[in-house]
Amino acid sequence: DELFFELELALLENNVALEVIDKIKSDLKENIVDKPIKRNEVPNKILESLKKSIESLFDVDPIDMLKEIKNKSNGPYVISFIGINGAGKTTTIAKIANMLKKNKLSVLMVAGDTWRAASIQQLEEHGSNLNVKVIKHNYGSDPAAVAFDGIKSAKANKIDVVLIDTAGRQ
């Protein structure tokens, strides 16, 4: 119990979701508690169980994005990119826009990161290089309004996919 308490506290201090903590604890109990383990193998068993538990959190069925987009019946397919600053959201948007264009889909990018003027400029540069329209407002504008205008524009112009860049404030 003391080990689990310390683990739970450490995970909570690092902003791990309660559901994830409960799953990790449950998996550890199932794999380690009341199991015959040699003393010298305890650290390795704990580490192995933790690794398996965390990996299973990411065990999801793959998504065929192109198929999903092509099967959407009404309006544009909207993808919002979220993550901390410097994670590569804007660059990823450009890469996905390029891939979508190569698959004959129309794309519109939305500069929803209105907190950093440079992010708007960066997305505009990608848009220019890819010949993809970018919807933007001024620096400091309401990001939701920019996203709304982007989706509205995509609907009006029968654009297949809207890619929304967001602010990744830490």
N, C-alpha and C. Protein backbone atom coordinates (compact mmCIF):
# COMPACT_ATOMS: atom_id res chain seq x y z
N ASP A 1 0.83 -1.20 0.00
CA ASP A 1 0.00 0.00 0.00
C ASP A 1 0.87 1.26 0.00
N GLU A 2 1.97 1.22 0.74
CA GLU A 2 2.85 2.39 0.80
C GLU A 2 3.48 2.65 -0.57
N LEU A 3 3.89 1.58 -1.25
CA LEU A 3 4.47 1.70 -2.58
C LEU A 3 3.45 2.31 -3.55
N PHE A 4 2.22 1.81 -3.50
CA PHE A 4 1.19 2.33 -4.39
C PHE A 4 0.85 3.78 -4.07
N PHE A 5 0.86 4.13 -2.78
CA PHE A 5 0.58 5.51 -2.39
C PHE A 5 1.65 6.45 -2.95
N GLU A 6 2.91 6.06 -2.80
CA GLU A 6 4.01 6.89 -3.30
C GLU A 6 3.97 7.01 -4.82
N LEU A 7 3.65 5.91 -5.49
CA LEU A 7 3.53 5.92 -6.96
C LEU A 7 2.40 6.83 -7.39
N GLU A 8 1.24 6.68 -6.74
CA GLU A 8 0.08 7.51 -7.08
C GLU A 8 0.40 8.99 -6.87
N LEU A 9 1.04 9.32 -5.78
CA LEU A 9 1.40 10.69 -5.48
C LEU A 9 2.35 11.25 -6.54
N ALA A 10 3.35 10.47 -6.91
CA ALA A 10 4.31 10.90 -7.94
C ALA A 10 3.61 11.13 -9.28
N LEU A 11 2.70 10.24 -9.63
CA LEU A 11 1.97 10.38 -10.90
C LEU A 11 1.05 11.59 -10.88
N LEU A 12 0.36 11.80 -9.76
CA LEU A 12 -0.52 12.97 -9.63
C LEU A 12 0.28 14.27 -9.73
N GLU A 13 1.45 14.30 -9.10
CA GLU A 13 2.30 15.49 -9.15
C GLU A 13 2.77 15.78 -10.57
N ASN A 14 2.75 14.77 -11.42
CA ASN A 14 3.17 14.94 -12.82
C ASN A 14 1.99 15.00 -13.77
N ASN A 15 0.82 15.35 -13.23
CA ASN A 15 -0.39 15.59 -14.03
C ASN A 15 -0.89 14.38 -14.82
N VAL A 16 -0.72 13.20 -14.27
CA VAL A 16 -1.25 12.00 -14.89
C VAL A 16 -2.72 11.86 -14.47
N ALA A 17 -3.58 11.56 -15.41
CA ALA A 17 -5.02 11.45 -15.16
C ALA A 17 -5.32 10.35 -14.15
N LEU A 18 -6.34 10.57 -13.33
CA LEU A 18 -6.71 9.58 -12.31
C LEU A 18 -7.05 8.22 -12.91
N GLU A 19 -7.73 8.22 -14.07
CA GLU A 19 -8.08 6.96 -14.72
C GLU A 19 -6.84 6.17 -15.10
N VAL A 20 -5.81 6.89 -15.55
CA VAL A 20 -4.55 6.25 -15.93
C VAL A 20 -3.85 5.70 -14.69
N ILE A 21 -3.86 6.47 -13.61
CA ILE A 21 -3.23 6.02 -12.36
C ILE A 21 -3.93 4.77 -11.85
N ASP A 22 -5.26 4.77 -11.87
CA ASP A 22 -6.01 3.59 -11.41
C ASP A 22 -5.68 2.36 -12.25
N LYS A 23 -5.54 2.55 -13.57
CA LYS A 23 -5.20 1.41 -14.43
C LYS A 23 -3.81 0.89 -14.12
N ILE A 24 -2.86 1.78 -13.96
CA ILE A 24 -1.48 1.37 -13.64
C ILE A 24 -1.46 0.61 -12.32
N LYS A 25 -2.14 1.14 -11.30
CA LYS A 25 -2.18 0.47 -10.00
C LYS A 25 -2.83 -0.90 -10.11
N SER A 26 -3.93 -0.97 -10.84
CA SER A 26 -4.63 -2.24 -11.03
C SER A 26 -3.74 -3.27 -11.72
N ASP A 27 -3.06 -2.82 -12.77
CA ASP A 27 -2.15 -3.72 -13.50
C ASP A 27 -1.01 -4.19 -12.62
N LEU A 28 -0.45 -3.28 -11.84
CA LEU A 28 0.64 -3.65 -10.93
C LEU A 28 0.18 -4.68 -9.91
N LYS A 29 -1.00 -4.45 -9.34
CA LYS A 29 -1.53 -5.39 -8.35
C LYS A 29 -1.72 -6.76 -8.97
N GLU A 30 -2.27 -6.77 -10.17
CA GLU A 30 -2.54 -8.04 -10.86
C GLU A 30 -1.25 -8.78 -11.19
N ASN A 31 -0.21 -8.04 -11.60
CA ASN A 31 1.03 -8.67 -12.06
C ASN A 31 2.05 -8.94 -10.97
N ILE A 32 1.92 -8.27 -9.82
CA ILE A 32 2.99 -8.38 -8.82
C ILE A 32 2.51 -8.86 -7.46
N VAL A 33 1.39 -8.31 -6.97
CA VAL A 33 0.94 -8.63 -5.62
C VAL A 33 0.56 -10.11 -5.53
N ASP A 34 1.00 -10.75 -4.46
CA ASP A 34 0.73 -12.16 -4.17
C ASP A 34 1.28 -13.10 -5.24
N LYS A 35 2.33 -12.68 -5.93
CA LYS A 35 3.00 -13.53 -6.93
C LYS A 35 4.38 -13.87 -6.38
N PRO A 36 4.79 -15.11 -6.59
CA PRO A 36 6.14 -15.47 -6.12
C PRO A 36 7.21 -14.83 -7.01
N ILE A 37 7.95 -13.89 -6.44
CA ILE A 37 9.01 -13.20 -7.18
C ILE A 37 10.26 -13.22 -6.33
N LYS A 38 11.38 -13.57 -6.96
CA LYS A 38 12.66 -13.57 -6.24
C LYS A 38 13.03 -12.11 -5.93
N ARG A 39 13.67 -11.93 -4.74
CA ARG A 39 14.03 -10.58 -4.30
C ARG A 39 14.79 -9.79 -5.36
N ASN A 40 15.75 -10.42 -5.99
CA ASN A 40 16.57 -9.70 -6.96
C ASN A 40 15.81 -9.38 -8.26
N GLU A 41 14.63 -9.97 -8.44
CA GLU A 41 13.84 -9.72 -9.65
C GLU A 41 12.74 -8.68 -9.44
N VAL A 42 12.53 -8.25 -8.19
CA VAL A 42 11.42 -7.33 -7.88
C VAL A 42 11.50 -6.04 -8.70
N PRO A 43 12.64 -5.32 -8.71
CA PRO A 43 12.68 -4.07 -9.48
C PRO A 43 12.37 -4.28 -10.98
N ASN A 44 12.92 -5.37 -11.54
CA ASN A 44 12.67 -5.64 -12.96
C ASN A 44 11.21 -5.99 -13.23
N LYS A 45 10.58 -6.73 -12.33
CA LYS A 45 9.16 -7.09 -12.49
C LYS A 45 8.28 -5.85 -12.41
N ILE A 46 8.60 -4.96 -11.48
CA ILE A 46 7.83 -3.72 -11.35
C ILE A 46 7.98 -2.88 -12.62
N LEU A 47 9.20 -2.72 -13.07
CA LEU A 47 9.46 -1.95 -14.28
C LEU A 47 8.77 -2.56 -15.50
N GLU A 48 8.85 -3.87 -15.62
CA GLU A 48 8.21 -4.58 -16.73
C GLU A 48 6.69 -4.40 -16.69
N SER A 49 6.10 -4.50 -15.51
CA SER A 49 4.66 -4.33 -15.37
C SER A 49 4.24 -2.90 -15.68
N LEU A 50 5.02 -1.94 -15.20
CA LEU A 50 4.74 -0.53 -15.49
C LEU A 50 4.80 -0.27 -17.00
N LYS A 51 5.82 -0.80 -17.63
CA LYS A 51 6.00 -0.60 -19.07
C LYS A 51 4.81 -1.18 -19.85
N LYS A 52 4.42 -2.40 -19.52
CA LYS A 52 3.29 -3.04 -20.21
C LYS A 52 2.00 -2.26 -19.98
N SER A 53 1.79 -1.80 -18.76
CA SER A 53 0.58 -1.06 -18.42
C SER A 53 0.50 0.25 -19.22
N ILE A 54 1.60 0.97 -19.27
CA ILE A 54 1.62 2.25 -19.99
C ILE A 54 1.49 2.01 -21.50
N GLU A 55 2.17 1.00 -22.03
CA GLU A 55 2.06 0.70 -23.46
C GLU A 55 0.62 0.34 -23.84
N SER A 56 -0.08 -0.35 -22.95
CA SER A 56 -1.45 -0.76 -23.27
C SER A 56 -2.40 0.44 -23.36
N LEU A 57 -2.02 1.55 -22.73
CA LEU A 57 -2.84 2.77 -22.83
C LEU A 57 -2.86 3.31 -24.26
N PHE A 58 -1.83 3.00 -25.02
CA PHE A 58 -1.71 3.50 -26.38
C PHE A 58 -2.04 2.44 -27.42
N ASP A 59 -2.57 1.33 -26.97
CA ASP A 59 -2.93 0.23 -27.86
C ASP A 59 -4.33 0.48 -28.42
N VAL A 60 -4.38 1.26 -29.48
CA VAL A 60 -5.66 1.59 -30.11
C VAL A 60 -5.62 1.16 -31.57
N ASP A 61 -6.78 0.95 -32.13
CA ASP A 61 -6.86 0.58 -33.53
C ASP A 61 -6.38 1.73 -34.39
N PRO A 62 -5.62 1.43 -35.43
CA PRO A 62 -5.17 2.51 -36.32
C PRO A 62 -6.35 3.14 -37.06
N ILE A 63 -6.21 4.41 -37.37
CA ILE A 63 -7.25 5.13 -38.08
C ILE A 63 -6.77 5.40 -39.49
N ASP A 64 -7.59 5.06 -40.47
CA ASP A 64 -7.29 5.37 -41.86
C ASP A 64 -7.88 6.75 -42.13
N MET A 65 -7.05 7.78 -41.95
CA MET A 65 -7.53 9.15 -42.04
C MET A 65 -8.13 9.45 -43.40
N LEU A 66 -7.50 9.01 -44.47
CA LEU A 66 -8.03 9.28 -45.81
C LEU A 66 -9.40 8.66 -46.01
N LYS A 67 -9.57 7.44 -45.52
CA LYS A 67 -10.87 6.77 -45.63
C LYS A 67 -11.93 7.52 -44.81
N GLU A 68 -11.56 7.93 -43.59
CA GLU A 68 -12.48 8.68 -42.73
C GLU A 68 -12.93 9.97 -43.42
N ILE A 69 -11.97 10.68 -44.01
CA ILE A 69 -12.27 11.94 -44.67
C ILE A 69 -13.19 11.71 -45.87
N LYS A 70 -12.87 10.72 -46.67
CA LYS A 70 -13.66 10.46 -47.88
C LYS A 70 -15.06 9.95 -47.55
N ASN A 71 -15.24 9.34 -46.38
CA ASN A 71 -16.55 8.82 -45.99
C ASN A 71 -17.43 9.86 -45.29
N LYS A 72 -16.86 11.02 -45.00
CA LYS A 72 -17.65 12.08 -44.33
C LYS A 72 -18.67 12.60 -45.34
N SER A 73 -19.92 12.59 -44.94
CA SER A 73 -20.99 12.92 -45.89
C SER A 73 -21.31 14.40 -45.98
N ASN A 74 -21.21 15.14 -44.87
CA ASN A 74 -21.60 16.54 -44.94
C ASN A 74 -20.55 17.43 -44.29
N GLY A 75 -20.28 18.55 -44.93
CA GLY A 75 -19.35 19.52 -44.38
C GLY A 75 -17.92 19.05 -44.43
N PRO A 76 -17.01 19.92 -44.05
CA PRO A 76 -15.59 19.53 -44.08
C PRO A 76 -15.23 18.62 -42.91
N TYR A 77 -14.20 17.86 -43.10
CA TYR A 77 -13.62 17.04 -42.03
C TYR A 77 -12.69 17.98 -41.27
N VAL A 78 -12.89 18.14 -39.98
CA VAL A 78 -12.14 19.11 -39.19
C VAL A 78 -11.18 18.38 -38.25
N ILE A 79 -9.92 18.80 -38.30
CA ILE A 79 -8.90 18.25 -37.40
C ILE A 79 -8.26 19.41 -36.65
N SER A 80 -8.33 19.37 -35.33
CA SER A 80 -7.71 20.39 -34.49
C SER A 80 -6.45 19.80 -33.88
N PHE A 81 -5.36 20.51 -34.00
CA PHE A 81 -4.07 20.04 -33.50
C PHE A 81 -3.77 20.70 -32.17
N ILE A 82 -3.55 19.87 -31.15
CA ILE A 82 -3.28 20.38 -29.81
C ILE A 82 -1.97 19.80 -29.29
N GLY A 83 -1.34 20.51 -28.41
CA GLY A 83 -0.09 20.06 -27.81
C GLY A 83 0.67 21.25 -27.28
N ILE A 84 1.70 20.99 -26.53
CA ILE A 84 2.48 22.07 -25.92
C ILE A 84 3.29 22.81 -26.98
N ASN A 85 3.69 24.03 -26.64
CA ASN A 85 4.53 24.82 -27.54
C ASN A 85 5.78 24.03 -27.92
N GLY A 86 6.13 24.11 -29.18
CA GLY A 86 7.35 23.46 -29.65
C GLY A 86 7.18 21.99 -29.96
N ALA A 87 5.96 21.47 -29.89
CA ALA A 87 5.74 20.04 -30.14
C ALA A 87 5.72 19.71 -31.63
N GLY A 88 5.60 20.72 -32.49
CA GLY A 88 5.61 20.49 -33.92
C GLY A 88 4.23 20.49 -34.56
N LYS A 89 3.26 21.12 -33.93
CA LYS A 89 1.89 21.14 -34.46
C LYS A 89 1.84 21.79 -35.84
N THR A 90 2.42 22.97 -35.96
CA THR A 90 2.32 23.73 -37.21
C THR A 90 3.02 22.99 -38.35
N THR A 91 4.18 22.44 -38.08
CA THR A 91 4.90 21.67 -39.10
C THR A 91 4.12 20.42 -39.49
N THR A 92 3.52 19.77 -38.51
CA THR A 92 2.71 18.58 -38.78
C THR A 92 1.50 18.94 -39.65
N ILE A 93 0.89 20.08 -39.38
CA ILE A 93 -0.25 20.53 -40.19
C ILE A 93 0.18 20.67 -41.64
N ALA A 94 1.34 21.27 -41.87
CA ALA A 94 1.84 21.43 -43.24
C ALA A 94 2.08 20.08 -43.90
N LYS A 95 2.65 19.14 -43.16
CA LYS A 95 2.91 17.81 -43.72
C LYS A 95 1.60 17.10 -44.07
N ILE A 96 0.62 17.22 -43.19
CA ILE A 96 -0.67 16.56 -43.45
C ILE A 96 -1.38 17.25 -44.60
N ALA A 97 -1.32 18.57 -44.66
CA ALA A 97 -1.93 19.30 -45.78
C ALA A 97 -1.32 18.83 -47.10
N ASN A 98 -0.03 18.68 -47.12
CA ASN A 98 0.66 18.21 -48.33
C ASN A 98 0.19 16.80 -48.71
N MET A 99 0.10 15.92 -47.73
CA MET A 99 -0.35 14.55 -47.98
C MET A 99 -1.78 14.54 -48.50
N LEU A 100 -2.64 15.35 -47.92
CA LEU A 100 -4.04 15.41 -48.35
C LEU A 100 -4.15 15.92 -49.78
N LYS A 101 -3.37 16.94 -50.10
CA LYS A 101 -3.38 17.48 -51.47
C LYS A 101 -2.92 16.42 -52.48
N LYS A 102 -1.90 15.66 -52.10
CA LYS A 102 -1.41 14.60 -52.99
C LYS A 102 -2.48 13.54 -53.22
N ASN A 103 -3.43 13.44 -52.28
CA ASN A 103 -4.54 12.48 -52.41
C ASN A 103 -5.80 13.16 -52.95
N LYS A 104 -5.59 14.29 -53.62
CA LYS A 104 -6.65 15.00 -54.33
C LYS A 104 -7.79 15.50 -53.44
N LEU A 105 -7.44 15.90 -52.22
CA LEU A 105 -8.41 16.49 -51.31
C LEU A 105 -8.11 17.97 -51.17
N SER A 106 -9.15 18.78 -51.06
CA SER A 106 -8.95 20.22 -50.86
C SER A 106 -8.77 20.48 -49.36
N VAL A 107 -7.88 21.43 -49.07
CA VAL A 107 -7.49 21.68 -47.68
C VAL A 107 -7.52 23.18 -47.39
N LEU A 108 -7.87 23.49 -46.16
CA LEU A 108 -7.81 24.86 -45.66
C LEU A 108 -7.16 24.80 -44.28
N MET A 109 -6.24 25.71 -44.02
CA MET A 109 -5.58 25.74 -42.71
C MET A 109 -6.08 26.95 -41.93
N VAL A 110 -6.19 26.80 -40.60
CA VAL A 110 -6.69 27.86 -39.74
C VAL A 110 -5.61 28.20 -38.71
N ALA A 111 -5.26 29.49 -38.66
CA ALA A 111 -4.23 29.97 -37.73
C ALA A 111 -4.89 30.30 -36.39
N GLY A 112 -5.20 29.27 -35.63
CA GLY A 112 -5.87 29.44 -34.35
C GLY A 112 -4.94 29.75 -33.19
N ASP A 113 -3.63 29.70 -33.43
CA ASP A 113 -2.68 30.11 -32.39
C ASP A 113 -2.51 31.61 -32.52
N THR A 114 -3.39 32.34 -31.88
CA THR A 114 -3.36 33.81 -31.97
C THR A 114 -2.52 34.44 -30.86
N TRP A 115 -1.88 33.61 -30.06
CA TRP A 115 -1.07 34.12 -28.95
C TRP A 115 0.34 34.47 -29.39
N ARG A 116 0.81 33.83 -30.45
CA ARG A 116 2.15 34.12 -30.95
C ARG A 116 2.03 34.59 -32.40
N ALA A 117 2.41 35.82 -32.64
CA ALA A 117 2.32 36.37 -33.99
C ALA A 117 3.14 35.53 -34.97
N ALA A 118 4.27 35.01 -34.51
CA ALA A 118 5.13 34.22 -35.39
C ALA A 118 4.44 32.94 -35.85
N SER A 119 3.54 32.40 -35.05
CA SER A 119 2.86 31.16 -35.46
C SER A 119 1.93 31.42 -36.64
N ILE A 120 1.30 32.58 -36.65
CA ILE A 120 0.42 32.94 -37.77
C ILE A 120 1.27 33.06 -39.03
N GLN A 121 2.40 33.73 -38.91
CA GLN A 121 3.30 33.91 -40.04
C GLN A 121 3.84 32.57 -40.53
N GLN A 122 4.18 31.69 -39.60
CA GLN A 122 4.71 30.38 -39.97
C GLN A 122 3.67 29.58 -40.75
N LEU A 123 2.42 29.59 -40.29
CA LEU A 123 1.36 28.85 -40.98
C LEU A 123 1.10 29.47 -42.36
N GLU A 124 1.15 30.80 -42.45
CA GLU A 124 0.98 31.46 -43.75
C GLU A 124 2.07 31.06 -44.73
N GLU A 125 3.29 30.94 -44.23
CA GLU A 125 4.40 30.52 -45.09
C GLU A 125 4.18 29.11 -45.62
N HIS A 126 3.77 28.21 -44.73
CA HIS A 126 3.46 26.84 -45.16
C HIS A 126 2.33 26.86 -46.18
N GLY A 127 1.30 27.64 -45.90
CA GLY A 127 0.18 27.73 -46.83
C GLY A 127 0.60 28.22 -48.19
N SER A 128 1.46 29.23 -48.21
CA SER A 128 1.97 29.77 -49.46
C SER A 128 2.77 28.72 -50.23
N ASN A 129 3.65 28.02 -49.52
CA ASN A 129 4.47 26.98 -50.16
C ASN A 129 3.63 25.84 -50.73
N LEU A 130 2.51 25.53 -50.06
CA LEU A 130 1.67 24.41 -50.47
C LEU A 130 0.49 24.84 -51.34
N ASN A 131 0.35 26.15 -51.54
CA ASN A 131 -0.80 26.69 -52.26
C ASN A 131 -2.11 26.29 -51.56
N VAL A 132 -2.11 26.48 -50.24
CA VAL A 132 -3.28 26.18 -49.41
C VAL A 132 -3.70 27.48 -48.72
N LYS A 133 -4.99 27.79 -48.77
CA LYS A 133 -5.50 29.00 -48.14
C LYS A 133 -5.40 28.88 -46.62
N VAL A 134 -5.06 30.00 -45.98
CA VAL A 134 -4.97 30.06 -44.52
C VAL A 134 -5.96 31.12 -44.03
N ILE A 135 -6.83 30.72 -43.11
CA ILE A 135 -7.74 31.66 -42.47
C ILE A 135 -7.06 32.15 -41.20
N LYS A 136 -7.03 33.47 -41.03
CA LYS A 136 -6.35 34.04 -39.86
C LYS A 136 -7.09 35.28 -39.42
N HIS A 137 -6.86 35.66 -38.18
CA HIS A 137 -7.29 36.94 -37.63
C HIS A 137 -6.03 37.62 -37.12
N ASN A 138 -6.18 38.75 -36.51
CA ASN A 138 -5.04 39.47 -35.95
C ASN A 138 -4.50 38.76 -34.72
N TYR A 139 -3.24 39.05 -34.43
CA TYR A 139 -2.60 38.58 -33.20
C TYR A 139 -3.46 38.99 -32.01
N GLY A 140 -3.72 38.07 -31.10
CA GLY A 140 -4.51 38.34 -29.91
C GLY A 140 -6.01 38.14 -30.08
N SER A 141 -6.43 37.76 -31.28
CA SER A 141 -7.86 37.53 -31.53
C SER A 141 -8.36 36.29 -30.80
N ASP A 142 -9.67 36.14 -30.79
CA ASP A 142 -10.29 34.97 -30.18
C ASP A 142 -10.05 33.74 -31.07
N PRO A 143 -9.32 32.74 -30.58
CA PRO A 143 -9.02 31.56 -31.39
C PRO A 143 -10.28 30.82 -31.86
N ALA A 144 -11.32 30.78 -31.02
CA ALA A 144 -12.56 30.10 -31.40
C ALA A 144 -13.21 30.80 -32.59
N ALA A 145 -13.11 32.12 -32.63
CA ALA A 145 -13.67 32.88 -33.75
C ALA A 145 -12.93 32.56 -35.05
N VAL A 146 -11.63 32.41 -34.94
CA VAL A 146 -10.83 32.08 -36.13
C VAL A 146 -11.24 30.69 -36.63
N ALA A 147 -11.35 29.73 -35.73
CA ALA A 147 -11.76 28.37 -36.10
C ALA A 147 -13.15 28.39 -36.72
N PHE A 148 -14.07 29.13 -36.12
CA PHE A 148 -15.44 29.24 -36.64
C PHE A 148 -15.41 29.79 -38.07
N ASP A 149 -14.66 30.85 -38.28
CA ASP A 149 -14.57 31.44 -39.62
C ASP A 149 -13.94 30.48 -40.62
N GLY A 150 -12.95 29.72 -40.16
CA GLY A 150 -12.31 28.75 -41.05
C GLY A 150 -13.27 27.67 -41.49
N ILE A 151 -14.04 27.14 -40.57
CA ILE A 151 -15.01 26.08 -40.90
C ILE A 151 -16.11 26.65 -41.79
N LYS A 152 -16.55 27.87 -41.48
CA LYS A 152 -17.58 28.52 -42.29
C LYS A 152 -17.09 28.72 -43.72
N SER A 153 -15.86 29.16 -43.87
CA SER A 153 -15.27 29.35 -45.19
C SER A 153 -15.15 28.03 -45.95
N ALA A 154 -14.75 26.99 -45.23
CA ALA A 154 -14.60 25.67 -45.86
C ALA A 154 -15.95 25.16 -46.36
N LYS A 155 -16.99 25.36 -45.56
CA LYS A 155 -18.33 24.94 -45.99
C LYS A 155 -18.76 25.70 -47.23
N ALA A 156 -18.56 27.01 -47.22
CA ALA A 156 -18.97 27.86 -48.35
C ALA A 156 -18.22 27.51 -49.62
N ASN A 157 -16.97 27.07 -49.50
CA ASN A 157 -16.15 26.78 -50.67
C ASN A 157 -15.98 25.29 -50.94
N LYS A 158 -16.78 24.46 -50.23
CA LYS A 158 -16.77 23.01 -50.40
C LYS A 158 -15.36 22.41 -50.28
N ILE A 159 -14.67 22.85 -49.23
CA ILE A 159 -13.33 22.33 -48.92
C ILE A 159 -13.50 21.01 -48.17
N ASP A 160 -12.66 20.03 -48.49
CA ASP A 160 -12.77 18.71 -47.87
C ASP A 160 -12.30 18.66 -46.42
N VAL A 161 -11.17 19.34 -46.13
CA VAL A 161 -10.54 19.20 -44.81
C VAL A 161 -10.11 20.56 -44.27
N VAL A 162 -10.40 20.79 -42.98
CA VAL A 162 -9.94 21.96 -42.26
C VAL A 162 -8.93 21.51 -41.21
N LEU A 163 -7.74 22.11 -41.24
CA LEU A 163 -6.70 21.80 -40.27
C LEU A 163 -6.51 23.03 -39.38
N ILE A 164 -6.79 22.87 -38.09
CA ILE A 164 -6.76 24.00 -37.15
C ILE A 164 -5.52 23.94 -36.26
N ASP A 165 -4.69 24.97 -36.37
CA ASP A 165 -3.54 25.11 -35.49
C ASP A 165 -4.03 25.77 -34.19
N THR A 166 -3.50 25.37 -33.06
CA THR A 166 -3.92 25.92 -31.78
C THR A 166 -2.70 26.39 -30.99
N ALA A 167 -2.97 27.21 -29.99
CA ALA A 167 -1.88 27.66 -29.10
C ALA A 167 -1.57 26.53 -28.13
N GLY A 168 -0.31 26.26 -27.95
CA GLY A 168 0.10 25.19 -27.06
C GLY A 168 0.73 25.72 -25.81
N ARG A 169 0.01 26.56 -25.11
CA ARG A 169 0.59 27.19 -23.92
C ARG A 169 0.83 26.15 -22.85
N GLN A 170 1.93 26.33 -22.14
CA GLN A 170 2.31 25.37 -21.12
C GLN A 170 1.75 25.73 -19.78
